[in-house]
């Protein structure tokens, strides 16, 4: 099993920070849509791709949480 904290952190950070750049303007205008693209690997398992699968699952869950907020 291989896990790369740098890859995981980079993937999650850019997915979290990018919407924050646009969020103030979207709230001011009362409109807008944020689309995060992940992978089927967020729900399935791929041998030897622990970091990739975990980061994609994190994107899906973070997107759901952001939508609720």
C-alpha atoms as a PDB file:
ATOM      1  CA  UNK A   1       0.000   0.000   0.000  1.00  0.00           C
ATOM      2  CA  UNK A   2       1.357   3.392  -1.003  1.00  0.00           C
ATOM      3  CA  UNK A   3       0.146   6.649   0.494  1.00  0.00           C
ATOM      4  CA  UNK A   4       1.499  10.032  -0.527  1.00  0.00           C
ATOM      5  CA  UNK A   5       0.522  12.776   1.928  1.00  0.00           C
ATOM      6  CA  UNK A   6       1.758  15.467  -0.490  1.00  0.00           C
ATOM      7  CA  UNK A   7      -0.517  14.265  -3.315  1.00  0.00           C
ATOM      8  CA  UNK A   8      -3.472  13.928  -0.947  1.00  0.00           C
ATOM      9  CA  UNK A   9      -2.967  17.372   0.604  1.00  0.00           C
ATOM     10  CA  UNK A  10      -2.492  19.078  -2.778  1.00  0.00           C
ATOM     11  CA  UNK A  11      -5.631  17.521  -4.252  1.00  0.00           C
ATOM     12  CA  UNK A  12      -7.786  18.403  -1.268  1.00  0.00           C
ATOM     13  CA  UNK A  13      -6.366  21.888  -0.748  1.00  0.00           C
ATOM     14  CA  UNK A  14      -7.014  23.098  -4.299  1.00  0.00           C
ATOM     15  CA  UNK A  15     -10.543  21.700  -4.183  1.00  0.00           C
ATOM     16  CA  UNK A  16     -11.195  23.547  -0.916  1.00  0.00           C
ATOM     17  CA  UNK A  17      -9.480  26.864  -1.711  1.00  0.00           C
ATOM     18  CA  UNK A  18     -10.724  27.432  -5.274  1.00  0.00           C
ATOM     19  CA  UNK A  19     -14.443  27.801  -4.404  1.00  0.00           C
ATOM     20  CA  UNK A  20     -13.562  30.215  -1.607  1.00  0.00           C
ATOM     21  CA  UNK A  21     -12.135  32.587  -4.233  1.00  0.00           C
ATOM     22  CA  UNK A  22     -15.509  32.844  -5.970  1.00  0.00           C
ATOM     23  CA  UNK A  23     -17.843  32.386  -3.009  1.00  0.00           C
ATOM     24  CA  UNK A  24     -18.047  36.052  -1.897  1.00  0.00           C
ATOM     25  CA  UNK A  25     -19.088  37.230  -5.364  1.00  0.00           C
ATOM     26  CA  UNK A  26     -21.581  34.393  -5.727  1.00  0.00           C
ATOM     27  CA  UNK A  27     -23.189  35.241  -2.394  1.00  0.00           C
ATOM     28  CA  UNK A  28     -23.294  38.943  -3.295  1.00  0.00           C
ATOM     29  CA  UNK A  29     -25.023  38.161  -6.599  1.00  0.00           C
ATOM     30  CA  UNK A  30     -27.238  35.443  -5.057  1.00  0.00           C
ATOM     31  CA  UNK A  31     -26.307  33.111  -7.899  1.00  0.00           C
ATOM     32  CA  UNK A  32     -23.623  30.720  -9.059  1.00  0.00           C
ATOM     33  CA  UNK A  33     -22.699  27.085  -9.263  1.00  0.00           C
ATOM     34  CA  UNK A  34     -19.587  25.256  -8.143  1.00  0.00           C
ATOM     35  CA  UNK A  35     -18.839  21.979  -9.888  1.00  0.00           C
ATOM     36  CA  UNK A  36     -16.224  19.643  -8.423  1.00  0.00           C
ATOM     37  CA  UNK A  37     -15.170  16.750 -10.609  1.00  0.00           C
ATOM     38  CA  UNK A  38     -13.954  13.583  -8.967  1.00  0.00           C
ATOM     39  CA  UNK A  39     -13.750  10.001 -10.176  1.00  0.00           C
ATOM     40  CA  UNK A  40     -15.522   6.666  -9.961  1.00  0.00           C
ATOM     41  CA  UNK A  41     -12.536   5.745  -7.812  1.00  0.00           C
ATOM     42  CA  UNK A  42     -14.161   7.727  -5.016  1.00  0.00           C
ATOM     43  CA  UNK A  43     -16.655   4.872  -4.674  1.00  0.00           C
ATOM     44  CA  UNK A  44     -14.656   1.894  -5.910  1.00  0.00           C
ATOM     45  CA  UNK A  45     -11.263   0.483  -5.065  1.00  0.00           C
ATOM     46  CA  UNK A  46      -8.202   0.306  -7.282  1.00  0.00           C
ATOM     47  CA  UNK A  47      -5.231  -1.797  -6.275  1.00  0.00           C
ATOM     48  CA  UNK A  48      -2.169   0.264  -5.423  1.00  0.00           C
ATOM     49  CA  UNK A  49      -3.954   3.599  -5.624  1.00  0.00           C
ATOM     50  CA  UNK A  50      -4.709   4.318  -1.979  1.00  0.00           C
ATOM     51  CA  UNK A  51      -3.885   8.022  -2.104  1.00  0.00           C
ATOM     52  CA  UNK A  52      -5.806   8.628  -5.328  1.00  0.00           C
ATOM     53  CA  UNK A  53      -8.914   6.791  -4.094  1.00  0.00           C
ATOM     54  CA  UNK A  54      -8.846   8.504  -0.705  1.00  0.00           C
ATOM     55  CA  UNK A  55      -8.422  11.969  -2.231  1.00  0.00           C
ATOM     56  CA  UNK A  56     -11.303  11.452  -4.656  1.00  0.00           C
ATOM     57  CA  UNK A  57     -13.570  10.213  -1.864  1.00  0.00           C
ATOM     58  CA  UNK A  58     -12.587  13.261   0.184  1.00  0.00           C
ATOM     59  CA  UNK A  59     -13.556  15.559  -2.708  1.00  0.00           C
ATOM     60  CA  UNK A  60     -16.999  13.954  -2.958  1.00  0.00           C
ATOM     61  CA  UNK A  61     -17.635  14.246   0.790  1.00  0.00           C
ATOM     62  CA  UNK A  62     -16.258  17.778   0.973  1.00  0.00           C
ATOM     63  CA  UNK A  63     -18.486  18.843  -1.934  1.00  0.00           C
ATOM     64  CA  UNK A  64     -21.551  17.476  -0.144  1.00  0.00           C
ATOM     65  CA  UNK A  65     -20.573  19.252   3.071  1.00  0.00           C
ATOM     66  CA  UNK A  66     -19.939  22.546   1.233  1.00  0.00           C
ATOM     67  CA  UNK A  67     -23.360  22.294  -0.418  1.00  0.00           C
ATOM     68  CA  UNK A  68     -25.001  21.865   2.969  1.00  0.00           C
ATOM     69  CA  UNK A  69     -23.203  24.912   4.352  1.00  0.00           C
END
